[in-house]
Amino acid sequence: MIAIASLLWAFAGFAALAATMDRHEEQLGTAALAATQRHGWQAGGSALLLLSLLACLQRWNTSVGIAAWLGLLTLAAMAWGLVLSYAPERARRLALAAAALGTVAAALRY
């Protein structure tokens, strides 16, 4: 379950980071963000990616955890790219759902 939580948190982290990029602000409706809000989104996205790493390190030893995390990052980035390409109008809702489901999946582990 922790690998699923890590994948979902990485997906949501990439979504938060993409929300601050000029390239994706029209797709995600974040064009009106102020500089301080952009920094908040960047910090939130980085925190979600770090949480994803910590989940992998909790599950496996350091070397396997980092390797698994990099693989999960690859899957999450590819999924986020597909969402932005084919369903940008649903991207924000999917990112929010991913963050929430990641938390539920992590809670189910205990």
PDB file of N, CA and C in Angstrom:
ATOM      1  N   MET A   1       0.807  -1.197   0.000  1.00  0.00           N
ATOM      2  CA  MET A   1       0.000   0.000   0.000  1.00  0.00           C
ATOM      3  C   MET A   1       0.849   1.259   0.000  1.00  0.00           C
ATOM      4  N   ILE A   2       2.045   1.167   0.623  1.00  0.00           N
ATOM      5  CA  ILE A   2       2.870   2.358   0.741  1.00  0.00           C
ATOM      6  C   ILE A   2       3.430   2.769  -0.617  1.00  0.00           C
ATOM      7  N   ALA A   3       3.645   1.821  -1.515  1.00  0.00           N
ATOM      8  CA  ALA A   3       4.112   2.163  -2.856  1.00  0.00           C
ATOM      9  C   ALA A   3       3.022   2.913  -3.619  1.00  0.00           C
ATOM     10  N   ILE A   4       1.778   2.516  -3.423  1.00  0.00           N
ATOM     11  CA  ILE A   4       0.663   3.221  -4.072  1.00  0.00           C
ATOM     12  C   ILE A   4       0.558   4.635  -3.510  1.00  0.00           C
ATOM     13  N   ALA A   5       0.702   4.769  -2.206  1.00  0.00           N
ATOM     14  CA  ALA A   5       0.662   6.094  -1.592  1.00  0.00           C
ATOM     15  C   ALA A   5       1.799   6.957  -2.127  1.00  0.00           C
ATOM     16  N   SER A   6       2.971   6.386  -2.254  1.00  0.00           N
ATOM     17  CA  SER A   6       4.118   7.124  -2.770  1.00  0.00           C
ATOM     18  C   SER A   6       3.882   7.578  -4.207  1.00  0.00           C
ATOM     19  N   LEU A   7       3.327   6.703  -5.019  1.00  0.00           N
ATOM     20  CA  LEU A   7       3.020   7.052  -6.404  1.00  0.00           C
ATOM     21  C   LEU A   7       1.992   8.177  -6.470  1.00  0.00           C
ATOM     22  N   LEU A   8       0.958   8.093  -5.680  1.00  0.00           N
ATOM     23  CA  LEU A   8      -0.082   9.121  -5.694  1.00  0.00           C
ATOM     24  C   LEU A   8       0.446  10.461  -5.182  1.00  0.00           C
ATOM     25  N   TRP A   9       1.290  10.437  -4.156  1.00  0.00           N
ATOM     26  CA  TRP A   9       1.877  11.684  -3.663  1.00  0.00           C
ATOM     27  C   TRP A   9       2.821  12.288  -4.692  1.00  0.00           C
ATOM     28  N   ALA A  10       3.551  11.464  -5.420  1.00  0.00           N
ATOM     29  CA  ALA A  10       4.432  11.984  -6.464  1.00  0.00           C
ATOM     30  C   ALA A  10       3.610  12.621  -7.585  1.00  0.00           C
ATOM     31  N   PHE A  11       2.507  11.996  -7.948  1.00  0.00           N
ATOM     32  CA  PHE A  11       1.612  12.549  -8.968  1.00  0.00           C
ATOM     33  C   PHE A  11       1.106  13.923  -8.533  1.00  0.00           C
ATOM     34  N   ALA A  12       0.641  14.017  -7.296  1.00  0.00           N
ATOM     35  CA  ALA A  12       0.139  15.290  -6.780  1.00  0.00           C
ATOM     36  C   ALA A  12       1.266  16.317  -6.663  1.00  0.00           C
ATOM     37  N   GLY A  13       2.455  15.877  -6.320  1.00  0.00           N
ATOM     38  CA  GLY A  13       3.598  16.780  -6.240  1.00  0.00           C
ATOM     39  C   GLY A  13       3.959  17.362  -7.589  1.00  0.00           C
ATOM     40  N   PHE A  14       3.954  16.532  -8.616  1.00  0.00           N
ATOM     41  CA  PHE A  14       4.212  17.036  -9.956  1.00  0.00           C
ATOM     42  C   PHE A  14       3.110  17.997 -10.403  1.00  0.00           C
ATOM     43  N   ALA A  15       1.892  17.731  -9.999  1.00  0.00           N
ATOM     44  CA  ALA A  15       0.786  18.623 -10.339  1.00  0.00           C
ATOM     45  C   ALA A  15       0.986  19.998  -9.706  1.00  0.00           C
ATOM     46  N   ALA A  16       1.379  20.016  -8.439  1.00  0.00           N
ATOM     47  CA  ALA A  16       1.603  21.288  -7.762  1.00  0.00           C
ATOM     48  C   ALA A  16       2.765  22.052  -8.395  1.00  0.00           C
ATOM     49  N   LEU A  17       3.807  21.346  -8.765  1.00  0.00           N
ATOM     50  CA  LEU A  17       4.931  22.012  -9.424  1.00  0.00           C
ATOM     51  C   LEU A  17       4.544  22.522 -10.806  1.00  0.00           C
ATOM     52  N   ALA A  18       3.736  21.765 -11.523  1.00  0.00           N
ATOM     53  CA  ALA A  18       3.303  22.202 -12.852  1.00  0.00           C
ATOM     54  C   ALA A  18       2.401  23.423 -12.775  1.00  0.00           C
ATOM     55  N   ALA A  19       1.665  23.565 -11.685  1.00  0.00           N
ATOM     56  CA  ALA A  19       0.763  24.714 -11.533  1.00  0.00           C
ATOM     57  C   ALA A  19       1.528  26.027 -11.492  1.00  0.00           C
ATOM     58  N   THR A  20       2.810  25.995 -11.145  1.00  0.00           N
ATOM     59  CA  THR A  20       3.602  27.215 -11.066  1.00  0.00           C
ATOM     60  C   THR A  20       4.360  27.511 -12.354  1.00  0.00           C
ATOM     61  N   MET A  21       4.291  26.618 -13.315  1.00  0.00           N
ATOM     62  CA  MET A  21       5.045  26.801 -14.555  1.00  0.00           C
ATOM     63  C   MET A  21       4.245  27.624 -15.555  1.00  0.00           C
ATOM     64  N   ASP A  22       4.929  28.530 -16.236  1.00  0.00           N
ATOM     65  CA  ASP A  22       4.259  29.365 -17.238  1.00  0.00           C
ATOM     66  C   ASP A  22       3.607  28.526 -18.332  1.00  0.00           C
ATOM     67  N   ARG A  23       4.234  27.427 -18.672  1.00  0.00           N
ATOM     68  CA  ARG A  23       3.751  26.582 -19.745  1.00  0.00           C
ATOM     69  C   ARG A  23       2.380  25.962 -19.447  1.00  0.00           C
ATOM     70  N   HIS A  24       2.099  25.701 -18.178  1.00  0.00           N
ATOM     71  CA  HIS A  24       0.878  24.988 -17.809  1.00  0.00           C
ATOM     72  C   HIS A  24      -0.169  25.846 -17.106  1.00  0.00           C
ATOM     73  N   GLU A  25       0.099  27.132 -16.930  1.00  0.00           N
ATOM     74  CA  GLU A  25      -0.835  27.939 -16.134  1.00  0.00           C
ATOM     75  C   GLU A  25      -2.189  28.108 -16.812  1.00  0.00           C
ATOM     76  N   GLU A  26      -2.255  28.104 -18.125  1.00  0.00           N
ATOM     77  CA  GLU A  26      -3.563  28.175 -18.801  1.00  0.00           C
ATOM     78  C   GLU A  26      -4.335  26.873 -18.640  1.00  0.00           C
ATOM     79  N   GLN A  27      -3.641  25.754 -18.745  1.00  0.00           N
ATOM     80  CA  GLN A  27      -4.290  24.456 -18.612  1.00  0.00           C
ATOM     81  C   GLN A  27      -4.851  24.245 -17.213  1.00  0.00           C
ATOM     82  N   LEU A  28      -4.137  24.734 -16.213  1.00  0.00           N
ATOM     83  CA  LEU A  28      -4.524  24.482 -14.827  1.00  0.00           C
ATOM     84  C   LEU A  28      -5.244  25.650 -14.176  1.00  0.00           C
ATOM     85  N   GLY A  29      -5.377  26.756 -14.888  1.00  0.00           N
ATOM     86  CA  GLY A  29      -6.094  27.908 -14.353  1.00  0.00           C
ATOM     87  C   GLY A  29      -5.356  28.614 -13.235  1.00  0.00           C
ATOM     88  N   THR A  30      -4.039  28.634 -13.300  1.00  0.00           N
ATOM     89  CA  THR A  30      -3.255  29.269 -12.244  1.00  0.00           C
ATOM     90  C   THR A  30      -2.530  30.518 -12.736  1.00  0.00           C
ATOM     91  N   ALA A  31      -3.038  31.149 -13.774  1.00  0.00           N
ATOM     92  CA  ALA A  31      -2.375  32.317 -14.346  1.00  0.00           C
ATOM     93  C   ALA A  31      -2.395  33.509 -13.397  1.00  0.00           C
ATOM     94  N   ALA A  32      -3.361  33.579 -12.510  1.00  0.00           N
ATOM     95  CA  ALA A  32      -3.504  34.736 -11.629  1.00  0.00           C
ATOM     96  C   ALA A  32      -2.766  34.581 -10.296  1.00  0.00           C
ATOM     97  N   LEU A  33      -1.899  33.593 -10.182  1.00  0.00           N
ATOM     98  CA  LEU A  33      -1.181  33.397  -8.925  1.00  0.00           C
ATOM     99  C   LEU A  33      -0.142  34.490  -8.711  1.00  0.00           C
ATOM    100  N   ALA A  34      -0.086  35.020  -7.508  1.00  0.00           N
ATOM    101  CA  ALA A  34       0.955  35.977  -7.140  1.00  0.00           C
ATOM    102  C   ALA A  34       2.255  35.221  -6.883  1.00  0.00           C
ATOM    103  N   ALA A  35       3.342  35.972  -6.766  1.00  0.00           N
ATOM    104  CA  ALA A  35       4.650  35.339  -6.564  1.00  0.00           C
ATOM    105  C   ALA A  35       4.691  34.539  -5.266  1.00  0.00           C
ATOM    106  N   THR A  36       4.075  35.053  -4.213  1.00  0.00           N
ATOM    107  CA  THR A  36       4.079  34.311  -2.946  1.00  0.00           C
ATOM    108  C   THR A  36       3.248  33.042  -3.041  1.00  0.00           C
ATOM    109  N   GLN A  37       2.177  33.089  -3.805  1.00  0.00           N
ATOM    110  CA  GLN A  37       1.366  31.889  -4.002  1.00  0.00           C
ATOM    111  C   GLN A  37       2.127  30.852  -4.817  1.00  0.00           C
ATOM    112  N   ARG A  38       2.864  31.301  -5.813  1.00  0.00           N
ATOM    113  CA  ARG A  38       3.678  30.374  -6.612  1.00  0.00           C
ATOM    114  C   ARG A  38       4.700  29.663  -5.725  1.00  0.00           C
ATOM    115  N   HIS A  39       5.315  30.419  -4.840  1.00  0.00           N
ATOM    116  CA  HIS A  39       6.301  29.816  -3.929  1.00  0.00           C
ATOM    117  C   HIS A  39       5.625  28.797  -3.008  1.00  0.00           C
ATOM    118  N   GLY A  40       4.408  29.082  -2.594  1.00  0.00           N
ATOM    119  CA  GLY A  40       3.664  28.129  -1.775  1.00  0.00           C
ATOM    120  C   GLY A  40       3.362  26.847  -2.525  1.00  0.00           C
ATOM    121  N   TRP A  41       2.947  26.979  -3.788  1.00  0.00           N
ATOM    122  CA  TRP A  41       2.681  25.792  -4.600  1.00  0.00           C
ATOM    123  C   TRP A  41       3.962  24.997  -4.833  1.00  0.00           C
ATOM    124  N   GLN A  42       5.070  25.704  -5.070  1.00  0.00           N
ATOM    125  CA  GLN A  42       6.347  25.009  -5.266  1.00  0.00           C
ATOM    126  C   GLN A  42       6.770  24.276  -3.999  1.00  0.00           C
ATOM    127  N   ALA A  43       6.597  24.924  -2.861  1.00  0.00           N
ATOM    128  CA  ALA A  43       6.946  24.280  -1.594  1.00  0.00           C
ATOM    129  C   ALA A  43       6.046  23.073  -1.339  1.00  0.00           C
ATOM    130  N   GLY A  44       4.767  23.201  -1.643  1.00  0.00           N
ATOM    131  CA  GLY A  44       3.845  22.079  -1.469  1.00  0.00           C
ATOM    132  C   GLY A  44       4.180  20.908  -2.379  1.00  0.00           C
ATOM    133  N   GLY A  45       4.506  21.205  -3.633  1.00  0.00           N
ATOM    134  CA  GLY A  45       4.897  20.138  -4.555  1.00  0.00           C
ATOM    135  C   GLY A  45       6.172  19.452  -4.129  1.00  0.00           C
ATOM    136  N   SER A  46       7.136  20.236  -3.677  1.00  0.00           N
ATOM    137  CA  SER A  46       8.391  19.653  -3.190  1.00  0.00           C
ATOM    138  C   SER A  46       8.157  18.818  -1.941  1.00  0.00           C
ATOM    139  N   ALA A  47       7.273  19.287  -1.074  1.00  0.00           N
ATOM    140  CA  ALA A  47       6.957  18.529   0.141  1.00  0.00           C
ATOM    141  C   ALA A  47       6.290  17.208  -0.192  1.00  0.00           C
ATOM    142  N   LEU A  48       5.409  17.203  -1.182  1.00  0.00           N
ATOM    143  CA  LEU A  48       4.764  15.951  -1.580  1.00  0.00           C
ATOM    144  C   LEU A  48       5.765  14.974  -2.182  1.00  0.00           C
ATOM    145  N   LEU A  49       6.719  15.487  -2.968  1.00  0.00           N
ATOM    146  CA  LEU A  49       7.749  14.608  -3.515  1.00  0.00           C
ATOM    147  C   LEU A  49       8.649  14.067  -2.407  1.00  0.00           C
ATOM    148  N   LEU A  50       8.956  14.895  -1.422  1.00  0.00           N
ATOM    149  CA  LEU A  50       9.749  14.434  -0.288  1.00  0.00           C
ATOM    150  C   LEU A  50       8.985  13.396   0.531  1.00  0.00           C
ATOM    151  N   LEU A  51       7.700  13.620   0.714  1.00  0.00           N
ATOM    152  CA  LEU A  51       6.863  12.649   1.426  1.00  0.00           C
ATOM    153  C   LEU A  51       6.841  11.318   0.676  1.00  0.00           C
ATOM    154  N   SER A  52       6.807  11.404  -0.638  1.00  0.00           N
ATOM    155  CA  SER A  52       6.857  10.204  -1.465  1.00  0.00           C
ATOM    156  C   SER A  52       8.175   9.449  -1.248  1.00  0.00           C
ATOM    157  N   LEU A  53       9.273  10.189  -1.179  1.00  0.00           N
ATOM    158  CA  LEU A  53      10.574   9.564  -0.926  1.00  0.00           C
ATOM    159  C   LEU A  53      10.614   8.935   0.459  1.00  0.00           C
ATOM    160  N   LEU A  54      10.133   9.651   1.449  1.00  0.00           N
ATOM    161  CA  LEU A  54      10.150   9.126   2.815  1.00  0.00           C
ATOM    162  C   LEU A  54       9.317   7.857   2.950  1.00  0.00           C
ATOM    163  N   ALA A  55       8.210   7.800   2.213  1.00  0.00           N
ATOM    164  CA  ALA A  55       7.388   6.584   2.244  1.00  0.00           C
ATOM    165  C   ALA A  55       8.168   5.392   1.688  1.00  0.00           C
ATOM    166  N   CYS A  56       8.899   5.615   0.607  1.00  0.00           N
ATOM    167  CA  CYS A  56       9.698   4.524   0.026  1.00  0.00           C
ATOM    168  C   CYS A  56      10.829   4.120   0.958  1.00  0.00           C
ATOM    169  N   LEU A  57      11.448   5.098   1.610  1.00  0.00           N
ATOM    170  CA  LEU A  57      12.543   4.778   2.530  1.00  0.00           C
ATOM    171  C   LEU A  57      12.039   4.068   3.777  1.00  0.00           C
ATOM    172  N   GLN A  58      10.795   4.322   4.141  1.00  0.00           N
ATOM    173  CA  GLN A  58      10.211   3.630   5.288  1.00  0.00           C
ATOM    174  C   GLN A  58       9.934   2.165   4.942  1.00  0.00           C
ATOM    175  N   ARG A  59       9.546   1.925   3.718  1.00  0.00           N
ATOM    176  CA  ARG A  59       9.165   0.577   3.282  1.00  0.00           C
ATOM    177  C   ARG A  59      10.383  -0.306   3.000  1.00  0.00           C
ATOM    178  N   TRP A  60      11.392   0.270   2.320  1.00  0.00           N
ATOM    179  CA  TRP A  60      12.574  -0.487   1.915  1.00  0.00           C
ATOM    180  C   TRP A  60      13.831   0.128   2.523  1.00  0.00           C
ATOM    181  N   ASN A  61      14.964  -0.579   2.381  1.00  0.00           N
ATOM    182  CA  ASN A  61      16.223   0.024   2.833  1.00  0.00           C
ATOM    183  C   ASN A  61      16.604   1.162   1.876  1.00  0.00           C
ATOM    184  N   THR A  62      17.670   1.861   2.171  1.00  0.00           N
ATOM    185  CA  THR A  62      17.990   3.092   1.453  1.00  0.00           C
ATOM    186  C   THR A  62      18.183   2.890  -0.038  1.00  0.00           C
ATOM    187  N   SER A  63      18.990   1.934  -0.429  1.00  0.00           N
ATOM    188  CA  SER A  63      19.287   1.762  -1.853  1.00  0.00           C
ATOM    189  C   SER A  63      18.061   1.311  -2.640  1.00  0.00           C
ATOM    190  N   VAL A  64      17.334   0.369  -2.124  1.00  0.00           N
ATOM    191  CA  VAL A  64      16.129  -0.102  -2.808  1.00  0.00           C
ATOM    192  C   VAL A  64      15.043   0.977  -2.772  1.00  0.00           C
ATOM    193  N   GLY A  65      14.942   1.685  -1.658  1.00  0.00           N
ATOM    194  CA  GLY A  65      13.936   2.738  -1.532  1.00  0.00           C
ATOM    195  C   GLY A  65      14.146   3.853  -2.539  1.00  0.00           C
ATOM    196  N   ILE A  66      15.393   4.270  -2.729  1.00  0.00           N
ATOM    197  CA  ILE A  66      15.672   5.332  -3.703  1.00  0.00           C
ATOM    198  C   ILE A  66      15.414   4.837  -5.118  1.00  0.00           C
ATOM    199  N   ALA A  67      15.812   3.612  -5.416  1.00  0.00           N
ATOM    200  CA  ALA A  67      15.560   3.059  -6.748  1.00  0.00           C
ATOM    201  C   ALA A  67      14.058   2.934  -7.016  1.00  0.00           C
ATOM    202  N   ALA A  68      13.325   2.463  -6.027  1.00  0.00           N
ATOM    203  CA  ALA A  68      11.871   2.348  -6.185  1.00  0.00           C
ATOM    204  C   ALA A  68      11.239   3.724  -6.341  1.00  0.00           C
ATOM    205  N   TRP A  69      11.720   4.695  -5.578  1.00  0.00           N
ATOM    206  CA  TRP A  69      11.192   6.053  -5.660  1.00  0.00           C
ATOM    207  C   TRP A  69      11.422   6.647  -7.042  1.00  0.00           C
ATOM    208  N   LEU A  70      12.602   6.432  -7.608  1.00  0.00           N
ATOM    209  CA  LEU A  70      12.873   6.950  -8.951  1.00  0.00           C
ATOM    210  C   LEU A  70      11.965   6.294  -9.990  1.00  0.00           C
ATOM    211  N   GLY A  71      11.705   5.009  -9.823  1.00  0.00           N
ATOM    212  CA  GLY A  71      10.770   4.343 -10.720  1.00  0.00           C
ATOM    213  C   GLY A  71       9.357   4.882 -10.572  1.00  0.00           C
ATOM    214  N   LEU A  72       8.938   5.117  -9.333  1.00  0.00           N
ATOM    215  CA  LEU A  72       7.601   5.673  -9.097  1.00  0.00           C
ATOM    216  C   LEU A  72       7.497   7.104  -9.608  1.00  0.00           C
ATOM    217  N   LEU A  73       8.587   7.876  -9.490  1.00  0.00           N
ATOM    218  CA  LEU A  73       8.595   9.229 -10.053  1.00  0.00           C
ATOM    219  C   LEU A  73       8.409   9.186 -11.561  1.00  0.00           C
ATOM    220  N   THR A  74       9.052   8.221 -12.200  1.00  0.00           N
ATOM    221  CA  THR A  74       8.907   8.079 -13.647  1.00  0.00           C
ATOM    222  C   THR A  74       7.461   7.791 -14.020  1.00  0.00           C
ATOM    223  N   LEU A  75       6.841   6.851 -13.318  1.00  0.00           N
ATOM    224  CA  LEU A  75       5.431   6.534 -13.592  1.00  0.00           C
ATOM    225  C   LEU A  75       4.517   7.728 -13.346  1.00  0.00           C
ATOM    226  N   ALA A  76       4.759   8.436 -12.246  1.00  0.00           N
ATOM    227  CA  ALA A  76       3.923   9.588 -11.911  1.00  0.00           C
ATOM    228  C   ALA A  76       4.082  10.702 -12.939  1.00  0.00           C
ATOM    229  N   ALA A  77       5.313  10.941 -13.388  1.00  0.00           N
ATOM    230  CA  ALA A  77       5.541  11.988 -14.384  1.00  0.00           C
ATOM    231  C   ALA A  77       4.894  11.631 -15.718  1.00  0.00           C
ATOM    232  N   MET A  78       4.974  10.371 -16.100  1.00  0.00           N
ATOM    233  CA  MET A  78       4.333   9.947 -17.349  1.00  0.00           C
ATOM    234  C   MET A  78       2.817  10.063 -17.246  1.00  0.00           C
ATOM    235  N   ALA A  79       2.261   9.676 -16.116  1.00  0.00           N
ATOM    236  CA  ALA A  79       0.811   9.790 -15.919  1.00  0.00           C
ATOM    237  C   ALA A  79       0.385  11.250 -15.942  1.00  0.00           C
ATOM    238  N   TRP A  80       1.153  12.121 -15.281  1.00  0.00           N
ATOM    239  CA  TRP A  80       0.806  13.540 -15.257  1.00  0.00           C
ATOM    240  C   TRP A  80       0.899  14.136 -16.661  1.00  0.00           C
ATOM    241  N   GLY A  81       1.900  13.735 -17.428  1.00  0.00           N
ATOM    242  CA  GLY A  81       2.012  14.198 -18.810  1.00  0.00           C
ATOM    243  C   GLY A  81       0.827  13.764 -19.656  1.00  0.00           C
ATOM    244  N   LEU A  82       0.363  12.542 -19.460  1.00  0.00           N
ATOM    245  CA  LEU A  82      -0.811  12.071 -20.207  1.00  0.00           C
ATOM    246  C   LEU A  82      -2.069  12.831 -19.796  1.00  0.00           C
ATOM    247  N   VAL A  83      -2.211  13.097 -18.513  1.00  0.00           N
ATOM    248  CA  VAL A  83      -3.384  13.852 -18.048  1.00  0.00           C
ATOM    249  C   VAL A  83      -3.378  15.254 -18.651  1.00  0.00           C
ATOM    250  N   LEU A  84      -2.235  15.920 -18.638  1.00  0.00           N
ATOM    251  CA  LEU A  84      -2.168  17.267 -19.199  1.00  0.00           C
ATOM    252  C   LEU A  84      -2.389  17.266 -20.709  1.00  0.00           C
ATOM    253  N   SER A  85      -2.007  16.197 -21.366  1.00  0.00           N
ATOM    254  CA  SER A  85      -2.176  16.125 -22.820  1.00  0.00           C
ATOM    255  C   SER A  85      -3.605  15.816 -23.228  1.00  0.00           C
ATOM    256  N   TYR A  86      -4.241  14.888 -22.532  1.00  0.00           N
ATOM    257  CA  TYR A  86      -5.526  14.381 -22.994  1.00  0.00           C
ATOM    258  C   TYR A  86      -6.725  14.807 -22.161  1.00  0.00           C
ATOM    259  N   ALA A  87      -6.520  15.253 -20.943  1.00  0.00           N
ATOM    260  CA  ALA A  87      -7.652  15.671 -20.106  1.00  0.00           C
ATOM    261  C   ALA A  87      -7.258  16.832 -19.194  1.00  0.00           C
ATOM    262  N   PRO A  88      -6.822  17.957 -19.766  1.00  0.00           N
ATOM    263  CA  PRO A  88      -6.360  19.058 -18.911  1.00  0.00           C
ATOM    264  C   PRO A  88      -7.472  19.661 -18.054  1.00  0.00           C
ATOM    265  N   GLU A  89      -8.716  19.529 -18.496  1.00  0.00           N
ATOM    266  CA  GLU A  89      -9.823  20.077 -17.710  1.00  0.00           C
ATOM    267  C   GLU A  89     -10.071  19.276 -16.435  1.00  0.00           C
ATOM    268  N   ARG A  90      -9.590  18.053 -16.383  1.00  0.00           N
ATOM    269  CA  ARG A  90      -9.756  17.201 -15.197  1.00  0.00           C
ATOM    270  C   ARG A  90      -8.494  17.141 -14.346  1.00  0.00           C
ATOM    271  N   ALA A  91      -7.452  17.810 -14.760  1.00  0.00           N
ATOM    272  CA  ALA A  91      -6.144  17.669 -14.122  1.00  0.00           C
ATOM    273  C   ALA A  91      -6.159  18.103 -12.669  1.00  0.00           C
ATOM    274  N   ARG A  92      -6.782  19.222 -12.368  1.00  0.00           N
ATOM    275  CA  ARG A  92      -6.775  19.711 -10.981  1.00  0.00           C
ATOM    276  C   ARG A  92      -7.517  18.758 -10.061  1.00  0.00           C
ATOM    277  N   ARG A  93      -8.665  18.273 -10.513  1.00  0.00           N
ATOM    278  CA  ARG A  93      -9.432  17.340  -9.672  1.00  0.00           C
ATOM    279  C   ARG A  93      -8.672  16.038  -9.461  1.00  0.00           C
ATOM    280  N   LEU A  94      -8.012  15.544 -10.504  1.00  0.00           N
ATOM    281  CA  LEU A  94      -7.239  14.307 -10.371  1.00  0.00           C
ATOM    282  C   LEU A  94      -6.068  14.483  -9.416  1.00  0.00           C
ATOM    283  N   ALA A  95      -5.423  15.632  -9.461  1.00  0.00           N
ATOM    284  CA  ALA A  95      -4.291  15.874  -8.557  1.00  0.00           C
ATOM    285  C   ALA A  95      -4.759  15.926  -7.113  1.00  0.00           C
ATOM    286  N   LEU A  96      -5.866  16.581  -6.867  1.00  0.00           N
ATOM    287  CA  LEU A  96      -6.414  16.646  -5.507  1.00  0.00           C
ATOM    288  C   LEU A  96      -6.817  15.262  -5.020  1.00  0.00           C
ATOM    289  N   ALA A  97      -7.459  14.506  -5.889  1.00  0.00           N
ATOM    290  CA  ALA A  97      -7.867  13.150  -5.532  1.00  0.00           C
ATOM    291  C   ALA A  97      -6.654  12.270  -5.257  1.00  0.00           C
ATOM    292  N   ALA A  98      -5.592  12.448  -6.032  1.00  0.00           N
ATOM    293  CA  ALA A  98      -4.382  11.651  -5.829  1.00  0.00           C
ATOM    294  C   ALA A  98      -3.764  11.928  -4.463  1.00  0.00           C
ATOM    295  N   ALA A  99      -3.715  13.200  -4.078  1.00  0.00           N
ATOM    296  CA  ALA A  99      -3.155  13.534  -2.764  1.00  0.00           C
ATOM    297  C   ALA A  99      -3.997  12.923  -1.646  1.00  0.00           C
ATOM    298  N   ALA A 100      -5.308  13.016  -1.780  1.00  0.00           N
ATOM    299  CA  ALA A 100      -6.192  12.465  -0.743  1.00  0.00           C
ATOM    300  C   ALA A 100      -6.109  10.940  -0.696  1.00  0.00           C
ATOM    301  N   LEU A 101      -6.116  10.301  -1.858  1.00  0.00           N
ATOM    302  CA  LEU A 101      -6.049   8.843  -1.896  1.00  0.00           C
ATOM    303  C   LEU A 101      -4.695   8.325  -1.416  1.00  0.00           C
ATOM    304  N   GLY A 102      -3.633   9.101  -1.659  1.00  0.00           N
ATOM    305  CA  GLY A 102      -2.328   8.721  -1.144  1.00  0.00           C
ATOM    306  C   GLY A 102      -2.317   8.691   0.374  1.00  0.00           C
ATOM    307  N   THR A 103      -2.978   9.670   0.968  1.00  0.00           N
ATOM    308  CA  THR A 103      -3.065   9.717   2.425  1.00  0.00           C
ATOM    309  C   THR A 103      -3.898   8.550   2.954  1.00  0.00           C
ATOM    310  N   VAL A 104      -4.983   8.229   2.263  1.00  0.00           N
ATOM    311  CA  VAL A 104      -5.822   7.096   2.666  1.00  0.00           C
ATOM    312  C   VAL A 104      -5.030   5.784   2.539  1.00  0.00           C
ATOM    313  N   ALA A 105      -4.296   5.641   1.438  1.00  0.00           N
ATOM    314  CA  ALA A 105      -3.518   4.410   1.232  1.00  0.00           C
ATOM    315  C   ALA A 105      -2.448   4.269   2.304  1.00  0.00           C
ATOM    316  N   ALA A 106      -1.814   5.369   2.684  1.00  0.00           N
ATOM    317  CA  ALA A 106      -0.808   5.299   3.738  1.00  0.00           C
ATOM    318  C   ALA A 106      -1.457   4.971   5.088  1.00  0.00           C
ATOM    319  N   ALA A 107      -2.627   5.516   5.323  1.00  0.00           N
ATOM    320  CA  ALA A 107      -3.322   5.243   6.596  1.00  0.00           C
ATOM    321  C   ALA A 107      -3.770   3.785   6.680  1.00  0.00           C
ATOM    322  N   LEU A 108      -4.111   3.186   5.552  1.00  0.00           N
ATOM    323  CA  LEU A 108      -4.547   1.793   5.541  1.00  0.00           C
ATOM    324  C   LEU A 108      -3.413   0.834   5.870  1.00  0.00           C
ATOM    325  N   ARG A 109      -2.201   1.309   5.727  1.00  0.00           N
ATOM    326  CA  ARG A 109      -1.041   0.464   6.032  1.00  0.00           C
ATOM    327  C   ARG A 109      -0.976   0.156   7.524  1.00  0.00           C
ATOM    328  N   TYR A 110      -1.483   1.065   8.331  1.00  0.00           N
ATOM    329  CA  TYR A 110      -1.367   0.911   9.789  1.00  0.00           C
ATOM    330  C   TYR A 110      -2.597   0.367  10.402  1.00  0.00           C
TER     331      TYR A 110
END
